[in-house]
C-alpha atoms as a PDB file:
ATOM      1  CA  MET A   1     179.659 240.837 136.997  1.00  0.00           C
ATOM      2  CA  ALA A   2     175.979 241.722 137.350  1.00  0.00           C
ATOM      3  CA  LEU A   3     174.343 241.718 140.761  1.00  0.00           C
ATOM      4  CA  VAL A   4     171.881 239.001 139.762  1.00  0.00           C
ATOM      5  CA  GLU A   5     174.640 236.678 138.594  1.00  0.00           C
ATOM      6  CA  ARG A   6     176.563 237.232 141.807  1.00  0.00           C
ATOM      7  CA  TRP A   7     173.699 236.877 144.306  1.00  0.00           C
ATOM      8  CA  ARG A   8     171.266 234.785 142.299  1.00  0.00           C
ATOM      9  CA  VAL A   9     168.064 236.751 142.911  1.00  0.00           C
ATOM     10  CA  PRO A  10     165.249 234.200 142.632  1.00  0.00           C
ATOM     11  CA  PRO A  11     163.577 234.614 139.214  1.00  0.00           C
ATOM     12  CA  PRO A  12     159.981 234.698 140.569  1.00  0.00           C
ATOM     13  CA  SER A  13     160.803 237.639 142.879  1.00  0.00           C
ATOM     14  CA  ARG A  14     162.734 239.410 140.160  1.00  0.00           C
ATOM     15  CA  ARG A  15     159.860 238.975 137.691  1.00  0.00           C
ATOM     16  CA  ARG A  16     157.307 240.255 140.226  1.00  0.00           C
ATOM     17  CA  VAL A  17     159.258 243.424 140.951  1.00  0.00           C
ATOM     18  CA  LEU A  18     159.911 244.081 137.272  1.00  0.00           C
ATOM     19  CA  ALA A  19     156.190 243.585 136.546  1.00  0.00           C
ATOM     20  CA  ARG A  20     155.271 245.748 139.586  1.00  0.00           C
ATOM     21  CA  VAL A  21     152.922 243.034 140.874  1.00  0.00           C
ATOM     22  CA  ASP A  22     152.575 241.902 144.518  1.00  0.00           C
ATOM     23  CA  ASP A  23     151.961 238.305 145.468  1.00  0.00           C
ATOM     24  CA  GLY A  24     151.972 236.329 148.712  1.00  0.00           C
ATOM     25  CA  LEU A  25     155.764 236.367 148.876  1.00  0.00           C
ATOM     26  CA  VAL A  26     156.811 239.687 147.348  1.00  0.00           C
ATOM     27  CA  THR A  27     155.596 243.238 148.040  1.00  0.00           C
ATOM     28  CA  VAL A  28     157.127 245.401 145.339  1.00  0.00           C
ATOM     29  CA  ALA A  29     156.308 248.921 146.587  1.00  0.00           C
ATOM     30  CA  PRO A  30     159.205 249.146 149.114  1.00  0.00           C
ATOM     31  CA  VAL A  31     161.739 248.175 146.450  1.00  0.00           C
ATOM     32  CA  LEU A  32     160.328 250.567 143.893  1.00  0.00           C
ATOM     33  CA  GLU A  33     160.296 253.430 146.441  1.00  0.00           C
ATOM     34  CA  ARG A  34     164.011 252.967 147.126  1.00  0.00           C
ATOM     35  CA  VAL A  35     165.334 252.275 143.637  1.00  0.00           C
ATOM     36  CA  GLU A  36     164.656 254.356 140.568  1.00  0.00           C
ATOM     37  CA  SER A  37     165.100 251.424 138.199  1.00  0.00           C
ATOM     38  CA  PHE A  38     165.082 247.890 139.613  1.00  0.00           C
ATOM     39  CA  ALA A  39     166.068 246.475 136.216  1.00  0.00           C
ATOM     40  CA  ALA A  40     169.153 248.717 136.129  1.00  0.00           C
ATOM     41  CA  LEU A  41     169.976 247.707 139.708  1.00  0.00           C
ATOM     42  CA  ILE A  42     169.987 243.972 139.071  1.00  0.00           C
ATOM     43  CA  GLU A  43     171.811 244.352 135.772  1.00  0.00           C
ATOM     44  CA  GLY A  44     174.351 246.804 137.223  1.00  0.00           C
ATOM     45  CA  ASP A  45     177.929 246.214 138.263  1.00  0.00           C
ATOM     46  CA  ALA A  46     178.233 244.518 141.651  1.00  0.00           C
ATOM     47  CA  GLU A  47     181.677 246.065 142.163  1.00  0.00           C
ATOM     48  CA  THR A  48     180.461 249.607 142.888  1.00  0.00           C
ATOM     49  CA  PRO A  49     181.014 251.284 146.286  1.00  0.00           C
ATOM     50  CA  ALA A  50     177.324 250.889 147.184  1.00  0.00           C
ATOM     51  CA  PHE A  51     177.497 247.136 146.705  1.00  0.00           C
ATOM     52  CA  ALA A  52     180.818 247.014 148.570  1.00  0.00           C
ATOM     53  CA  ALA A  53     178.994 248.484 151.589  1.00  0.00           C
ATOM     54  CA  ILE A  54     176.252 245.876 151.264  1.00  0.00           C
ATOM     55  CA  ARG A  55     178.783 243.058 151.017  1.00  0.00           C
ATOM     56  CA  ALA A  56     180.675 244.378 154.051  1.00  0.00           C
ATOM     57  CA  ALA A  57     177.451 244.380 156.097  1.00  0.00           C
ATOM     58  CA  GLU A  58     176.246 240.936 154.989  1.00  0.00           C
ATOM     59  CA  THR A  59     177.792 238.980 157.839  1.00  0.00           C
ATOM     60  CA  THR A  60     177.364 241.444 160.707  1.00  0.00           C
ATOM     61  CA  GLY A  61     173.715 240.778 161.450  1.00  0.00           C
ATOM     62  CA  ARG A  62     173.247 244.532 161.721  1.00  0.00           C
ATOM     63  CA  PRO A  63     171.058 246.655 159.446  1.00  0.00           C
ATOM     64  CA  LEU A  64     172.696 248.796 156.815  1.00  0.00           C
ATOM     65  CA  GLY A  65     171.305 252.303 156.588  1.00  0.00           C
ATOM     66  CA  ALA A  66     171.394 255.859 157.849  1.00  0.00           C
ATOM     67  CA  ALA A  67     171.426 256.489 161.601  1.00  0.00           C
ATOM     68  CA  ASP A  68     167.797 257.673 161.639  1.00  0.00           C
ATOM     69  CA  PHE A  69     166.702 254.521 159.790  1.00  0.00           C
ATOM     70  CA  VAL A  70     168.487 252.313 162.336  1.00  0.00           C
ATOM     71  CA  ALA A  71     167.025 254.370 165.213  1.00  0.00           C
ATOM     72  CA  ASP A  72     163.528 253.819 163.794  1.00  0.00           C
ATOM     73  CA  LEU A  73     164.191 250.077 163.598  1.00  0.00           C
ATOM     74  CA  GLU A  74     165.378 250.072 167.221  1.00  0.00           C
ATOM     75  CA  ARG A  75     162.210 251.885 168.274  1.00  0.00           C
ATOM     76  CA  ILE A  76     160.001 249.431 166.388  1.00  0.00           C
ATOM     77  CA  LEU A  77     161.853 246.356 167.674  1.00  0.00           C
ATOM     78  CA  GLY A  78     162.231 247.665 171.211  1.00  0.00           C
ATOM     79  CA  ARG A  79     165.885 246.631 171.400  1.00  0.00           C
ATOM     80  CA  PRO A  80     169.282 247.983 170.361  1.00  0.00           C
ATOM     81  CA  ILE A  81     170.525 246.867 166.951  1.00  0.00           C
ATOM     82  CA  ALA A  82     172.993 249.614 166.007  1.00  0.00           C
ATOM     83  CA  ARG A  83     176.711 248.960 166.181  1.00  0.00           C
ATOM     84  CA  ARG A  84     178.064 249.636 169.654  1.00  0.00           C
ATOM     85  CA  ALA A  85     181.586 250.068 170.978  1.00  0.00           C
ATOM     86  CA  ALA A  86     183.454 246.760 171.154  1.00  0.00           C
ATOM     87  CA  GLY A  87     184.199 245.133 174.471  1.00  0.00           C
ATOM     88  CA  ARG A  88     182.644 245.169 177.879  1.00  0.00           C
ATOM     89  CA  LYS A  89     181.640 248.296 179.698  1.00  0.00           C
ATOM     90  CA  PRO A  90     184.182 249.237 182.382  1.00  0.00           C
ATOM     91  CA  ALA A  91     183.300 248.305 185.927  1.00  0.00           C
ATOM     92  CA  GLN A  92     181.745 251.109 187.976  1.00  0.00           C
ATOM     93  CA  SER A  93     184.698 251.117 190.418  1.00  0.00           C
ATOM     94  CA  ALA A  94     187.135 251.727 187.537  1.00  0.00           C
ATOM     95  CA  ILE A  95     185.074 254.700 186.408  1.00  0.00           C
ATOM     96  CA  ASP A  96     185.050 256.160 189.944  1.00  0.00           C
ATOM     97  CA  THR A  97     188.836 255.685 190.257  1.00  0.00           C
ATOM     98  CA  ARG A  98     189.498 257.606 187.041  1.00  0.00           C
ATOM     99  CA  ARG A  99     187.398 260.504 188.286  1.00  0.00           C
ATOM    100  CA  LEU A 100     189.553 260.786 191.403  1.00  0.00           C
ATOM    101  CA  LEU A 101     192.745 261.078 189.380  1.00  0.00           C
END
């Protein structure tokens, strides 16, 4: 199944990127810098490992990318967005107790 069929990329955006033309909604340069052939991307198989990673990250609310990319986003946003260890941090007294043992 092609990516476009699966995710229903809006036709106006798809046409703009394929035509390499910006408008008020779409800026095509970032897409074209990241993908060698946008047409091949949207016509490609959505069952590849790369798309599996995208699908796995869809519901997390976290960005998908290399650690340096995520670190840059954190710097720009001024807040942590990278995945952190699950659960609460241990209480300070519990940390001090473990050091004594």
